[in-house]
Amino acid sequence: MSYIVVPPGLEGVVVCETSLSEIDGNRGLLTYRGIPIQQVVVQYHWETLIPWLATGCNVTPIPPVKVSTGRPSNLEMAPLAILAEEVLHSPWSPDLDVSEYISRLPLNLAARRGLGEDPASGSVAFRYLSLVREKPPTPIEAEALDTYWVIAAEHSLNASTFAVRISASTGASLPMALVSGIGVLSGPLHGGAPTGVLNLLKEAAAAPDIRRVLIDKLNHGERLMGFGHRVYRTMDPRADALRTVFRRLAPDHDMVRLALAVETTALELLRSWKPNRVLATNVEFYAGALLYALDIPDSWCPATFACGRLAGWTAHYMEQRAKGRLIRPLARYHT
């Protein structure tokens, strides 16, 4: 039997075919089912994206789902762990509408924080913010989170999505496959949760001179979090789409002014510090700024991202199950 030895990290290795999304890193393009992400965020709310991404068909929106508050709040648990618990305990069967099941999960998660009240109507993003914070959201705040979730929903074969597809290939149930994705997402190397950006913005906000903060980081060989991407060699198209809604939050919002100032200064410095590299703004920069402006606690940012990604994980699960082939690579022993 001949073996195919692949590079560490599966760099440059294609392991499956998908019709869900396509990335063109050189041109800075991302499409969902052939539609540019900039158009997708206009056409779909997150809850209507779920069935379209999974099946390619637009369906009648489901009625607002009910929030389950049967499980007690436990703020000592990591929010990602709470989300995994909700995934496993929320009612699921293959006969259940997948949109109903997935739409309920962010609401059940937010209800476990025990701060706000569920308005019982409106978008899932509006209800999530109503539950996870003490103050109700404005319409533009709800729109901003909804846009973030649509942008976060799908990004081809990243590490957590691969885990979901491996689980699906074994015949595991959808909830168990989603939990495998959540577990992989919890690792600090995966990304998605813009913790580094949040720290950068907080440092910049506390300093009298933003430029000096960034120069000091560069002089110490530190990365400027939120700039550069492993796939995109130009502007991250998700950052472009998220910047648009972020600017609409409130032009005079302190976080909006701060983020724009940090971005402008960072890009100027990076062009002179690293002229041979393309280090454009990536989605984590505006995700971090947006979640900060929406008063999402730092510890809840990974789980908030995961809520959006549930849509893509579900679509990949269904696509992989349809293939009916177990993913079973080999390991080569060495001493």
C-alpha atoms as a PDB file:
ATOM      1  CA  MET A   1       0.000   0.000   0.000  1.00  0.00           C
ATOM      2  CA  SER A   2       1.388   3.399  -0.955  1.00  0.00           C
ATOM      3  CA  TYR A   3       1.146   6.323   1.422  1.00  0.00           C
ATOM      4  CA  ILE A   4       0.661  10.028   0.838  1.00  0.00           C
ATOM      5  CA  VAL A   5       2.679  12.011   3.364  1.00  0.00           C
ATOM      6  CA  VAL A   6       1.268  15.498   3.867  1.00  0.00           C
ATOM      7  CA  PRO A   7       2.935  18.548   5.427  1.00  0.00           C
ATOM      8  CA  PRO A   8       2.446  19.383   9.117  1.00  0.00           C
ATOM      9  CA  GLY A   9      -0.829  21.141   9.771  1.00  0.00           C
ATOM     10  CA  LEU A  10      -2.170  19.893   6.406  1.00  0.00           C
ATOM     11  CA  GLU A  11      -0.894  23.130   4.872  1.00  0.00           C
ATOM     12  CA  GLY A  12      -2.095  23.359   1.268  1.00  0.00           C
ATOM     13  CA  VAL A  13      -3.855  19.977   1.395  1.00  0.00           C
ATOM     14  CA  VAL A  14      -7.393  19.678  -0.015  1.00  0.00           C
ATOM     15  CA  VAL A  15      -9.308  17.022   1.920  1.00  0.00           C
ATOM     16  CA  CYS A  16     -12.886  17.569   0.737  1.00  0.00           C
ATOM     17  CA  GLU A  17     -15.091  19.367  -1.754  1.00  0.00           C
ATOM     18  CA  THR A  18     -17.775  21.802  -0.641  1.00  0.00           C
ATOM     19  CA  SER A  19     -20.430  23.955  -2.255  1.00  0.00           C
ATOM     20  CA  LEU A  20     -20.872  26.100   0.842  1.00  0.00           C
ATOM     21  CA  SER A  21     -18.175  28.756   0.505  1.00  0.00           C
ATOM     22  CA  GLU A  22     -15.150  29.737  -1.549  1.00  0.00           C
ATOM     23  CA  ILE A  23     -12.165  31.839  -0.533  1.00  0.00           C
ATOM     24  CA  ASP A  24      -9.913  33.675  -2.977  1.00  0.00           C
ATOM     25  CA  GLY A  25      -7.171  34.950  -0.719  1.00  0.00           C
ATOM     26  CA  ASN A  26      -5.230  36.721  -3.456  1.00  0.00           C
ATOM     27  CA  ARG A  27      -8.194  38.835  -4.532  1.00  0.00           C
ATOM     28  CA  GLY A  28      -9.770  39.162  -1.097  1.00  0.00           C
ATOM     29  CA  LEU A  29     -13.021  37.430  -2.009  1.00  0.00           C
ATOM     30  CA  LEU A  30     -15.380  35.263   0.043  1.00  0.00           C
ATOM     31  CA  THR A  31     -18.601  33.803  -1.331  1.00  0.00           C
ATOM     32  CA  TYR A  32     -21.384  31.767   0.269  1.00  0.00           C
ATOM     33  CA  ARG A  33     -22.902  29.434  -2.324  1.00  0.00           C
ATOM     34  CA  GLY A  34     -21.517  31.661  -5.063  1.00  0.00           C
ATOM     35  CA  ILE A  35     -22.785  34.940  -3.590  1.00  0.00           C
ATOM     36  CA  PRO A  36     -20.236  37.543  -2.364  1.00  0.00           C
ATOM     37  CA  ILE A  37     -20.297  38.031   1.400  1.00  0.00           C
ATOM     38  CA  GLN A  38     -21.070  41.740   0.947  1.00  0.00           C
ATOM     39  CA  GLN A  39     -24.314  40.727  -0.771  1.00  0.00           C
ATOM     40  CA  VAL A  40     -25.112  37.917   1.666  1.00  0.00           C
ATOM     41  CA  VAL A  41     -25.167  40.287   4.654  1.00  0.00           C
ATOM     42  CA  VAL A  42     -27.783  42.389   2.856  1.00  0.00           C
ATOM     43  CA  GLN A  43     -29.984  39.468   1.795  1.00  0.00           C
ATOM     44  CA  TYR A  44     -30.004  37.339   4.952  1.00  0.00           C
ATOM     45  CA  HIS A  45     -30.488  37.527   8.675  1.00  0.00           C
ATOM     46  CA  TRP A  46     -28.587  34.894  10.604  1.00  0.00           C
ATOM     47  CA  GLU A  47     -31.646  32.725  11.260  1.00  0.00           C
ATOM     48  CA  THR A  48     -32.696  32.780   7.585  1.00  0.00           C
ATOM     49  CA  LEU A  49     -29.102  32.028   6.583  1.00  0.00           C
ATOM     50  CA  ILE A  50     -29.180  28.689   8.445  1.00  0.00           C
ATOM     51  CA  PRO A  51     -31.501  26.779   6.055  1.00  0.00           C
ATOM     52  CA  TRP A  52     -30.186  28.504   2.919  1.00  0.00           C
ATOM     53  CA  LEU A  53     -26.570  27.698   3.741  1.00  0.00           C
ATOM     54  CA  ALA A  54     -27.453  24.095   4.582  1.00  0.00           C
ATOM     55  CA  THR A  55     -29.707  23.368   1.588  1.00  0.00           C
ATOM     56  CA  GLY A  56     -29.304  26.178  -0.940  1.00  0.00           C
ATOM     57  CA  CYS A  57     -33.038  26.846  -0.686  1.00  0.00           C
ATOM     58  CA  ASN A  58     -34.802  29.841   0.812  1.00  0.00           C
ATOM     59  CA  VAL A  59     -37.528  28.750   3.199  1.00  0.00           C
ATOM     60  CA  THR A  60     -40.303  30.504   5.083  1.00  0.00           C
ATOM     61  CA  PRO A  61     -38.864  31.938   8.315  1.00  0.00           C
ATOM     62  CA  ILE A  62     -39.820  29.963  11.391  1.00  0.00           C
ATOM     63  CA  PRO A  63     -41.843  31.618  14.191  1.00  0.00           C
ATOM     64  CA  PRO A  64     -39.810  33.002  17.107  1.00  0.00           C
ATOM     65  CA  VAL A  65     -38.478  30.110  19.166  1.00  0.00           C
ATOM     66  CA  LYS A  66     -39.018  29.858  22.905  1.00  0.00           C
ATOM     67  CA  VAL A  67     -36.153  30.243  25.326  1.00  0.00           C
ATOM     68  CA  SER A  68     -35.455  27.381  27.699  1.00  0.00           C
ATOM     69  CA  THR A  69     -34.570  28.649  31.161  1.00  0.00           C
ATOM     70  CA  GLY A  70     -34.738  25.319  32.941  1.00  0.00           C
ATOM     71  CA  ARG A  71     -31.005  25.041  33.593  1.00  0.00           C
ATOM     72  CA  PRO A  72     -29.489  27.229  36.311  1.00  0.00           C
ATOM     73  CA  SER A  73     -27.042  30.032  35.694  1.00  0.00           C
ATOM     74  CA  ASN A  74     -23.445  29.113  36.438  1.00  0.00           C
ATOM     75  CA  LEU A  75     -21.129  32.003  35.752  1.00  0.00           C
ATOM     76  CA  GLU A  76     -18.151  29.950  36.922  1.00  0.00           C
ATOM     77  CA  MET A  77     -18.451  27.858  33.742  1.00  0.00           C
ATOM     78  CA  ALA A  78     -16.807  29.153  30.588  1.00  0.00           C
ATOM     79  CA  PRO A  79     -19.523  30.404  28.221  1.00  0.00           C
ATOM     80  CA  LEU A  80     -18.287  27.997  25.522  1.00  0.00           C
ATOM     81  CA  ALA A  81     -18.842  25.141  27.972  1.00  0.00           C
ATOM     82  CA  ILE A  82     -22.340  26.447  28.690  1.00  0.00           C
ATOM     83  CA  LEU A  83     -23.029  26.553  24.950  1.00  0.00           C
ATOM     84  CA  ALA A  84     -21.851  22.954  24.603  1.00  0.00           C
ATOM     85  CA  GLU A  85     -24.183  21.986  27.431  1.00  0.00           C
ATOM     86  CA  GLU A  86     -27.091  23.699  25.694  1.00  0.00           C
ATOM     87  CA  VAL A  87     -26.252  21.962  22.414  1.00  0.00           C
ATOM     88  CA  LEU A  88     -26.479  18.588  24.140  1.00  0.00           C
ATOM     89  CA  HIS A  89     -29.538  19.287  26.283  1.00  0.00           C
ATOM     90  CA  SER A  90     -31.751  21.204  23.838  1.00  0.00           C
ATOM     91  CA  PRO A  91     -34.356  18.903  22.263  1.00  0.00           C
ATOM     92  CA  TRP A  92     -33.112  17.462  18.975  1.00  0.00           C
ATOM     93  CA  SER A  93     -34.142  14.731  16.585  1.00  0.00           C
ATOM     94  CA  PRO A  94     -33.500  14.304  12.846  1.00  0.00           C
ATOM     95  CA  ASP A  95     -37.186  15.108  12.286  1.00  0.00           C
ATOM     96  CA  LEU A  96     -36.895  18.507  13.973  1.00  0.00           C
ATOM     97  CA  ASP A  97     -36.506  21.656  11.869  1.00  0.00           C
ATOM     98  CA  VAL A  98     -32.769  22.312  12.031  1.00  0.00           C
ATOM     99  CA  SER A  99     -33.351  26.087  11.914  1.00  0.00           C
ATOM    100  CA  GLU A 100     -35.519  25.886  15.014  1.00  0.00           C
ATOM    101  CA  TYR A 101     -32.929  23.859  16.889  1.00  0.00           C
ATOM    102  CA  ILE A 102     -29.952  26.059  15.947  1.00  0.00           C
ATOM    103  CA  SER A 103     -31.835  29.350  16.481  1.00  0.00           C
ATOM    104  CA  ARG A 104     -32.697  28.347  20.028  1.00  0.00           C
ATOM    105  CA  LEU A 105     -29.100  27.725  21.109  1.00  0.00           C
ATOM    106  CA  PRO A 106     -27.820  31.348  21.307  1.00  0.00           C
ATOM    107  CA  LEU A 107     -30.934  32.340  23.243  1.00  0.00           C
ATOM    108  CA  ASN A 108     -30.599  29.507  25.738  1.00  0.00           C
ATOM    109  CA  LEU A 109     -26.934  30.417  26.163  1.00  0.00           C
ATOM    110  CA  ALA A 110     -27.678  34.103  26.793  1.00  0.00           C
ATOM    111  CA  ALA A 111     -30.503  33.257  29.206  1.00  0.00           C
ATOM    112  CA  ARG A 112     -28.023  31.336  31.348  1.00  0.00           C
ATOM    113  CA  ARG A 113     -26.207  34.607  32.115  1.00  0.00           C
ATOM    114  CA  GLY A 114     -29.323  35.721  33.970  1.00  0.00           C
ATOM    115  CA  LEU A 115     -29.111  39.468  33.288  1.00  0.00           C
ATOM    116  CA  GLY A 116     -31.741  40.642  30.811  1.00  0.00           C
ATOM    117  CA  GLU A 117     -35.245  39.614  29.817  1.00  0.00           C
ATOM    118  CA  ASP A 118     -36.306  37.941  26.594  1.00  0.00           C
ATOM    119  CA  PRO A 119     -38.608  40.174  24.512  1.00  0.00           C
ATOM    120  CA  ALA A 120     -39.939  36.944  22.889  1.00  0.00           C
ATOM    121  CA  SER A 121     -39.962  38.590  19.456  1.00  0.00           C
ATOM    122  CA  GLY A 122     -37.504  40.146  17.045  1.00  0.00           C
ATOM    123  CA  SER A 123     -34.374  38.674  15.514  1.00  0.00           C
ATOM    124  CA  VAL A 124     -32.247  36.155  17.385  1.00  0.00           C
ATOM    125  CA  ALA A 125     -29.492  38.786  17.568  1.00  0.00           C
ATOM    126  CA  PHE A 126     -31.898  41.312  19.150  1.00  0.00           C
ATOM    127  CA  ARG A 127     -33.080  38.762  21.690  1.00  0.00           C
ATOM    128  CA  TYR A 128     -29.530  37.587  22.427  1.00  0.00           C
ATOM    129  CA  LEU A 129     -28.413  41.119  23.287  1.00  0.00           C
ATOM    130  CA  SER A 130     -31.570  41.622  25.361  1.00  0.00           C
ATOM    131  CA  LEU A 131     -30.687  38.558  27.431  1.00  0.00           C
ATOM    132  CA  VAL A 132     -26.916  38.810  27.710  1.00  0.00           C
ATOM    133  CA  ARG A 133     -26.859  42.480  28.806  1.00  0.00           C
ATOM    134  CA  GLU A 134     -28.761  44.523  31.367  1.00  0.00           C
ATOM    135  CA  LYS A 135     -29.933  47.125  28.853  1.00  0.00           C
ATOM    136  CA  PRO A 136     -32.047  46.368  25.755  1.00  0.00           C
ATOM    137  CA  PRO A 137     -30.311  46.860  22.400  1.00  0.00           C
ATOM    138  CA  THR A 138     -31.058  49.530  19.854  1.00  0.00           C
ATOM    139  CA  PRO A 139     -32.114  48.378  16.370  1.00  0.00           C
ATOM    140  CA  ILE A 140     -28.686  49.230  14.928  1.00  0.00           C
ATOM    141  CA  GLU A 141     -26.949  47.263  17.705  1.00  0.00           C
ATOM    142  CA  ALA A 142     -29.066  44.210  16.889  1.00  0.00           C
ATOM    143  CA  GLU A 143     -28.340  44.684  13.182  1.00  0.00           C
ATOM    144  CA  ALA A 144     -24.619  44.899  13.925  1.00  0.00           C
ATOM    145  CA  LEU A 145     -24.585  41.610  15.849  1.00  0.00           C
ATOM    146  CA  ASP A 146     -26.723  39.946  13.190  1.00  0.00           C
ATOM    147  CA  THR A 147     -24.262  41.071  10.502  1.00  0.00           C
ATOM    148  CA  TYR A 148     -21.367  39.759  12.591  1.00  0.00           C
ATOM    149  CA  TRP A 149     -23.057  36.366  12.914  1.00  0.00           C
ATOM    150  CA  VAL A 150     -23.710  36.147   9.169  1.00  0.00           C
ATOM    151  CA  ILE A 151     -20.057  36.988   8.496  1.00  0.00           C
ATOM    152  CA  ALA A 152     -18.878  34.517  11.150  1.00  0.00           C
ATOM    153  CA  ALA A 153     -21.159  31.719   9.946  1.00  0.00           C
ATOM    154  CA  GLU A 154     -18.926  30.099   7.368  1.00  0.00           C
ATOM    155  CA  HIS A 155     -15.290  30.158   6.264  1.00  0.00           C
ATOM    156  CA  SER A 156     -14.545  26.941   4.399  1.00  0.00           C
ATOM    157  CA  LEU A 157     -12.486  24.235   6.101  1.00  0.00           C
ATOM    158  CA  ASN A 158     -11.059  25.755   9.256  1.00  0.00           C
ATOM    159  CA  ALA A 159     -10.013  23.584  12.201  1.00  0.00           C
ATOM    160  CA  SER A 160     -13.358  23.483  14.014  1.00  0.00           C
ATOM    161  CA  THR A 161     -15.303  22.846  10.812  1.00  0.00           C
ATOM    162  CA  PHE A 162     -12.971  19.973   9.967  1.00  0.00           C
ATOM    163  CA  ALA A 163     -13.708  18.499  13.402  1.00  0.00           C
ATOM    164  CA  VAL A 164     -17.440  18.743  12.716  1.00  0.00           C
ATOM    165  CA  ARG A 165     -17.007  17.007   9.356  1.00  0.00           C
ATOM    166  CA  ILE A 166     -14.937  14.223  10.904  1.00  0.00           C
ATOM    167  CA  SER A 167     -17.673  13.681  13.499  1.00  0.00           C
ATOM    168  CA  ALA A 168     -20.325  13.710  10.772  1.00  0.00           C
ATOM    169  CA  SER A 169     -18.383  11.125   8.773  1.00  0.00           C
ATOM    170  CA  THR A 170     -18.640   8.679  11.686  1.00  0.00           C
ATOM    171  CA  GLY A 171     -22.424   9.000  11.789  1.00  0.00           C
ATOM    172  CA  ALA A 172     -22.416  11.049  15.002  1.00  0.00           C
ATOM    173  CA  SER A 173     -25.531  13.081  15.748  1.00  0.00           C
ATOM    174  CA  LEU A 174     -25.653  16.785  14.916  1.00  0.00           C
ATOM    175  CA  PRO A 175     -25.407  17.865  18.591  1.00  0.00           C
ATOM    176  CA  MET A 176     -22.353  15.676  19.193  1.00  0.00           C
ATOM    177  CA  ALA A 177     -20.691  16.995  16.028  1.00  0.00           C
ATOM    178  CA  LEU A 178     -21.365  20.594  17.078  1.00  0.00           C
ATOM    179  CA  VAL A 179     -19.789  19.941  20.464  1.00  0.00           C
ATOM    180  CA  SER A 180     -16.649  18.685  18.719  1.00  0.00           C
ATOM    181  CA  GLY A 181     -16.499  21.984  16.834  1.00  0.00           C
ATOM    182  CA  ILE A 182     -16.949  23.965  20.046  1.00  0.00           C
ATOM    183  CA  GLY A 183     -14.131  22.008  21.666  1.00  0.00           C
ATOM    184  CA  VAL A 184     -11.716  22.805  18.844  1.00  0.00           C
ATOM    185  CA  LEU A 185     -12.792  26.452  18.821  1.00  0.00           C
ATOM    186  CA  SER A 186     -11.858  26.741  22.500  1.00  0.00           C
ATOM    187  CA  GLY A 187      -8.177  26.404  21.594  1.00  0.00           C
ATOM    188  CA  PRO A 188      -6.312  29.738  21.538  1.00  0.00           C
ATOM    189  CA  LEU A 189      -4.704  29.049  18.145  1.00  0.00           C
ATOM    190  CA  HIS A 190      -7.953  28.669  16.226  1.00  0.00           C
ATOM    191  CA  GLY A 191      -9.042  32.287  16.225  1.00  0.00           C
ATOM    192  CA  GLY A 192     -12.582  33.557  15.933  1.00  0.00           C
ATOM    193  CA  ALA A 193     -12.511  35.154  19.368  1.00  0.00           C
ATOM    194  CA  PRO A 194     -10.726  38.510  19.000  1.00  0.00           C
ATOM    195  CA  THR A 195      -9.207  38.578  22.488  1.00  0.00           C
ATOM    196  CA  GLY A 196      -5.933  40.038  21.262  1.00  0.00           C
ATOM    197  CA  VAL A 197      -7.759  42.863  19.505  1.00  0.00           C
ATOM    198  CA  LEU A 198      -9.757  43.649  22.639  1.00  0.00           C
ATOM    199  CA  ASN A 199      -6.528  43.933  24.627  1.00  0.00           C
ATOM    200  CA  LEU A 200      -4.969  46.171  21.968  1.00  0.00           C
ATOM    201  CA  LEU A 201      -7.974  48.496  21.926  1.00  0.00           C
ATOM    202  CA  LYS A 202      -8.042  48.715  25.711  1.00  0.00           C
ATOM    203  CA  GLU A 203      -4.330  49.602  25.785  1.00  0.00           C
ATOM    204  CA  ALA A 204      -4.885  52.260  23.130  1.00  0.00           C
ATOM    205  CA  ALA A 205      -7.888  53.683  24.986  1.00  0.00           C
ATOM    206  CA  ALA A 206      -5.891  54.026  28.211  1.00  0.00           C
ATOM    207  CA  ALA A 207      -2.836  55.639  26.593  1.00  0.00           C
ATOM    208  CA  PRO A 208      -2.406  59.331  25.737  1.00  0.00           C
ATOM    209  CA  ASP A 209      -0.740  58.490  22.410  1.00  0.00           C
ATOM    210  CA  ILE A 210      -2.084  55.655  20.230  1.00  0.00           C
ATOM    211  CA  ARG A 211       0.870  55.866  17.880  1.00  0.00           C
ATOM    212  CA  ARG A 212       3.349  55.351  20.717  1.00  0.00           C
ATOM    213  CA  VAL A 213       1.478  52.239  21.923  1.00  0.00           C
ATOM    214  CA  LEU A 214       1.691  50.669  18.464  1.00  0.00           C
ATOM    215  CA  ILE A 215       5.326  51.654  17.896  1.00  0.00           C
ATOM    216  CA  ASP A 216       6.335  50.156  21.249  1.00  0.00           C
ATOM    217  CA  LYS A 217       4.700  46.864  20.280  1.00  0.00           C
ATOM    218  CA  LEU A 218       6.472  46.787  16.932  1.00  0.00           C
ATOM    219  CA  ASN A 219       9.809  47.650  18.545  1.00  0.00           C
ATOM    220  CA  HIS A 220       9.375  44.689  20.896  1.00  0.00           C
ATOM    221  CA  GLY A 221       8.595  42.347  18.008  1.00  0.00           C
ATOM    222  CA  GLU A 222       4.938  41.973  18.955  1.00  0.00           C
ATOM    223  CA  ARG A 223       2.167  41.410  16.426  1.00  0.00           C
ATOM    224  CA  LEU A 224      -0.493  44.050  15.995  1.00  0.00           C
ATOM    225  CA  MET A 225      -3.555  41.904  16.507  1.00  0.00           C
ATOM    226  CA  GLY A 226      -6.266  42.377  13.895  1.00  0.00           C
ATOM    227  CA  PHE A 227      -3.889  42.871  10.969  1.00  0.00           C
ATOM    228  CA  GLY A 228      -2.719  40.281   8.462  1.00  0.00           C
ATOM    229  CA  HIS A 229      -4.284  36.904   7.684  1.00  0.00           C
ATOM    230  CA  ARG A 230      -3.024  33.429   6.865  1.00  0.00           C
ATOM    231  CA  VAL A 231      -5.337  33.151   3.834  1.00  0.00           C
ATOM    232  CA  TYR A 232      -6.041  36.690   2.623  1.00  0.00           C
ATOM    233  CA  ARG A 233      -3.170  38.515   0.928  1.00  0.00           C
ATOM    234  CA  THR A 234      -5.197  41.704   0.714  1.00  0.00           C
ATOM    235  CA  MET A 235      -8.156  43.225   2.595  1.00  0.00           C
ATOM    236  CA  ASP A 236     -10.210  40.602   4.425  1.00  0.00           C
ATOM    237  CA  PRO A 237     -13.666  40.936   2.774  1.00  0.00           C
ATOM    238  CA  ARG A 238     -15.353  40.131   6.078  1.00  0.00           C
ATOM    239  CA  ALA A 239     -13.602  43.073   7.718  1.00  0.00           C
ATOM    240  CA  ASP A 240     -14.838  45.336   4.936  1.00  0.00           C
ATOM    241  CA  ALA A 241     -18.453  44.207   5.450  1.00  0.00           C
ATOM    242  CA  LEU A 242     -18.225  44.461   9.237  1.00  0.00           C
ATOM    243  CA  ARG A 243     -16.618  47.907   9.139  1.00  0.00           C
ATOM    244  CA  THR A 244     -19.665  49.247   7.290  1.00  0.00           C
ATOM    245  CA  VAL A 245     -22.142  48.266  10.000  1.00  0.00           C
ATOM    246  CA  PHE A 246     -19.678  49.150  12.775  1.00  0.00           C
ATOM    247  CA  ARG A 247     -19.462  52.727  11.540  1.00  0.00           C
ATOM    248  CA  ARG A 248     -23.249  52.957  11.621  1.00  0.00           C
ATOM    249  CA  LEU A 249     -23.417  52.104  15.337  1.00  0.00           C
ATOM    250  CA  ALA A 250     -22.886  55.767  16.175  1.00  0.00           C
ATOM    251  CA  PRO A 251     -20.381  58.028  14.415  1.00  0.00           C
ATOM    252  CA  ASP A 252     -19.541  59.738  17.716  1.00  0.00           C
ATOM    253  CA  HIS A 253     -19.283  56.521  19.755  1.00  0.00           C
ATOM    254  CA  ASP A 254     -15.957  56.495  21.615  1.00  0.00           C
ATOM    255  CA  MET A 255     -15.180  52.948  20.433  1.00  0.00           C
ATOM    256  CA  VAL A 256     -15.911  53.818  16.803  1.00  0.00           C
ATOM    257  CA  ARG A 257     -13.522  56.770  16.918  1.00  0.00           C
ATOM    258  CA  LEU A 258     -10.885  54.738  18.746  1.00  0.00           C
ATOM    259  CA  ALA A 259     -11.040  51.753  16.381  1.00  0.00           C
ATOM    260  CA  LEU A 260     -10.811  53.914  13.270  1.00  0.00           C
ATOM    261  CA  ALA A 261      -7.843  55.794  14.723  1.00  0.00           C
ATOM    262  CA  VAL A 262      -6.045  52.564  15.680  1.00  0.00           C
ATOM    263  CA  GLU A 263      -6.687  51.059  12.241  1.00  0.00           C
ATOM    264  CA  THR A 264      -5.425  54.113  10.355  1.00  0.00           C
ATOM    265  CA  THR A 265      -2.295  54.405  12.495  1.00  0.00           C
ATOM    266  CA  ALA A 266      -1.538  50.666  12.448  1.00  0.00           C
ATOM    267  CA  LEU A 267      -1.800  50.379   8.668  1.00  0.00           C
ATOM    268  CA  GLU A 268       0.499  53.377   8.224  1.00  0.00           C
ATOM    269  CA  LEU A 269       3.110  51.922  10.589  1.00  0.00           C
ATOM    270  CA  LEU A 270       2.936  48.419   9.125  1.00  0.00           C
ATOM    271  CA  ARG A 271       3.573  49.747   5.615  1.00  0.00           C
ATOM    272  CA  SER A 272       6.829  51.310   6.795  1.00  0.00           C
ATOM    273  CA  TRP A 273       7.849  48.609   9.319  1.00  0.00           C
ATOM    274  CA  LYS A 274       7.168  45.617   7.072  1.00  0.00           C
ATOM    275  CA  PRO A 275       7.108  46.926   3.482  1.00  0.00           C
ATOM    276  CA  ASN A 276       7.507  43.460   1.949  1.00  0.00           C
ATOM    277  CA  ARG A 277       4.408  42.022   3.621  1.00  0.00           C
ATOM    278  CA  VAL A 278       0.730  42.717   2.999  1.00  0.00           C
ATOM    279  CA  LEU A 279      -0.760  43.233   6.458  1.00  0.00           C
ATOM    280  CA  ALA A 280      -4.276  44.516   5.899  1.00  0.00           C
ATOM    281  CA  THR A 281      -7.113  44.721   8.416  1.00  0.00           C
ATOM    282  CA  ASN A 282      -8.691  41.349   9.158  1.00  0.00           C
ATOM    283  CA  VAL A 283     -12.130  40.439  10.475  1.00  0.00           C
ATOM    284  CA  GLU A 284     -10.915  39.967  14.057  1.00  0.00           C
ATOM    285  CA  PHE A 285     -10.108  43.672  14.314  1.00  0.00           C
ATOM    286  CA  TYR A 286     -13.643  44.856  13.665  1.00  0.00           C
ATOM    287  CA  ALA A 287     -15.144  41.876  15.467  1.00  0.00           C
ATOM    288  CA  GLY A 288     -13.232  42.863  18.592  1.00  0.00           C
ATOM    289  CA  ALA A 289     -14.187  46.511  18.249  1.00  0.00           C
ATOM    290  CA  LEU A 290     -17.825  45.639  17.596  1.00  0.00           C
ATOM    291  CA  LEU A 291     -18.200  43.251  20.533  1.00  0.00           C
ATOM    292  CA  TYR A 292     -16.509  45.809  22.782  1.00  0.00           C
ATOM    293  CA  ALA A 293     -18.909  48.521  21.606  1.00  0.00           C
ATOM    294  CA  LEU A 294     -21.879  46.187  22.173  1.00  0.00           C
ATOM    295  CA  ASP A 295     -20.803  45.644  25.802  1.00  0.00           C
ATOM    296  CA  ILE A 296     -20.250  41.917  25.324  1.00  0.00           C
ATOM    297  CA  PRO A 297     -17.940  40.801  28.166  1.00  0.00           C
ATOM    298  CA  ASP A 298     -14.525  39.558  27.057  1.00  0.00           C
ATOM    299  CA  SER A 299     -15.210  36.073  28.411  1.00  0.00           C
ATOM    300  CA  TRP A 300     -18.367  35.859  26.296  1.00  0.00           C
ATOM    301  CA  CYS A 301     -16.729  36.798  22.987  1.00  0.00           C
ATOM    302  CA  PRO A 302     -15.674  33.239  21.998  1.00  0.00           C
ATOM    303  CA  ALA A 303     -19.160  31.874  22.665  1.00  0.00           C
ATOM    304  CA  THR A 304     -20.767  34.801  20.839  1.00  0.00           C
ATOM    305  CA  PHE A 305     -18.610  34.000  17.810  1.00  0.00           C
ATOM    306  CA  ALA A 306     -19.498  30.307  18.106  1.00  0.00           C
ATOM    307  CA  CYS A 307     -23.202  31.176  17.977  1.00  0.00           C
ATOM    308  CA  GLY A 308     -22.712  32.620  14.512  1.00  0.00           C
ATOM    309  CA  ARG A 309     -20.531  29.712  13.381  1.00  0.00           C
ATOM    310  CA  LEU A 310     -23.267  27.192  14.350  1.00  0.00           C
ATOM    311  CA  ALA A 311     -24.888  27.894  10.969  1.00  0.00           C
ATOM    312  CA  GLY A 312     -21.789  26.903   9.006  1.00  0.00           C
ATOM    313  CA  TRP A 313     -21.017  23.890  11.166  1.00  0.00           C
ATOM    314  CA  THR A 314     -24.548  22.613  10.615  1.00  0.00           C
ATOM    315  CA  ALA A 315     -24.282  23.023   6.839  1.00  0.00           C
ATOM    316  CA  HIS A 316     -20.938  21.197   6.759  1.00  0.00           C
ATOM    317  CA  TYR A 317     -22.381  18.423   8.923  1.00  0.00           C
ATOM    318  CA  MET A 318     -25.232  17.871   6.481  1.00  0.00           C
ATOM    319  CA  GLU A 319     -22.928  18.043   3.456  1.00  0.00           C
ATOM    320  CA  GLN A 320     -20.525  15.499   4.961  1.00  0.00           C
ATOM    321  CA  ARG A 321     -23.289  13.104   6.040  1.00  0.00           C
ATOM    322  CA  ALA A 322     -24.550  13.055   2.451  1.00  0.00           C
ATOM    323  CA  LYS A 323     -21.145  11.786   1.290  1.00  0.00           C
ATOM    324  CA  GLY A 324     -21.398   8.682   3.495  1.00  0.00           C
ATOM    325  CA  ARG A 325     -17.642   8.183   3.737  1.00  0.00           C
ATOM    326  CA  LEU A 326     -15.680   7.795   6.969  1.00  0.00           C
ATOM    327  CA  ILE A 327     -12.697  10.138   7.284  1.00  0.00           C
ATOM    328  CA  ARG A 328      -9.883   7.848   8.429  1.00  0.00           C
ATOM    329  CA  PRO A 329      -6.294   9.060   7.898  1.00  0.00           C
ATOM    330  CA  LEU A 330      -3.190   7.180   9.035  1.00  0.00           C
ATOM    331  CA  ALA A 331      -0.285   7.908  11.351  1.00  0.00           C
ATOM    332  CA  ARG A 332       3.293   6.880  10.600  1.00  0.00           C
ATOM    333  CA  TYR A 333       5.170   5.452  13.570  1.00  0.00           C
ATOM    334  CA  HIS A 334       8.656   6.675  14.366  1.00  0.00           C
ATOM    335  CA  THR A 335      11.036   6.202  17.277  1.00  0.00           C
END
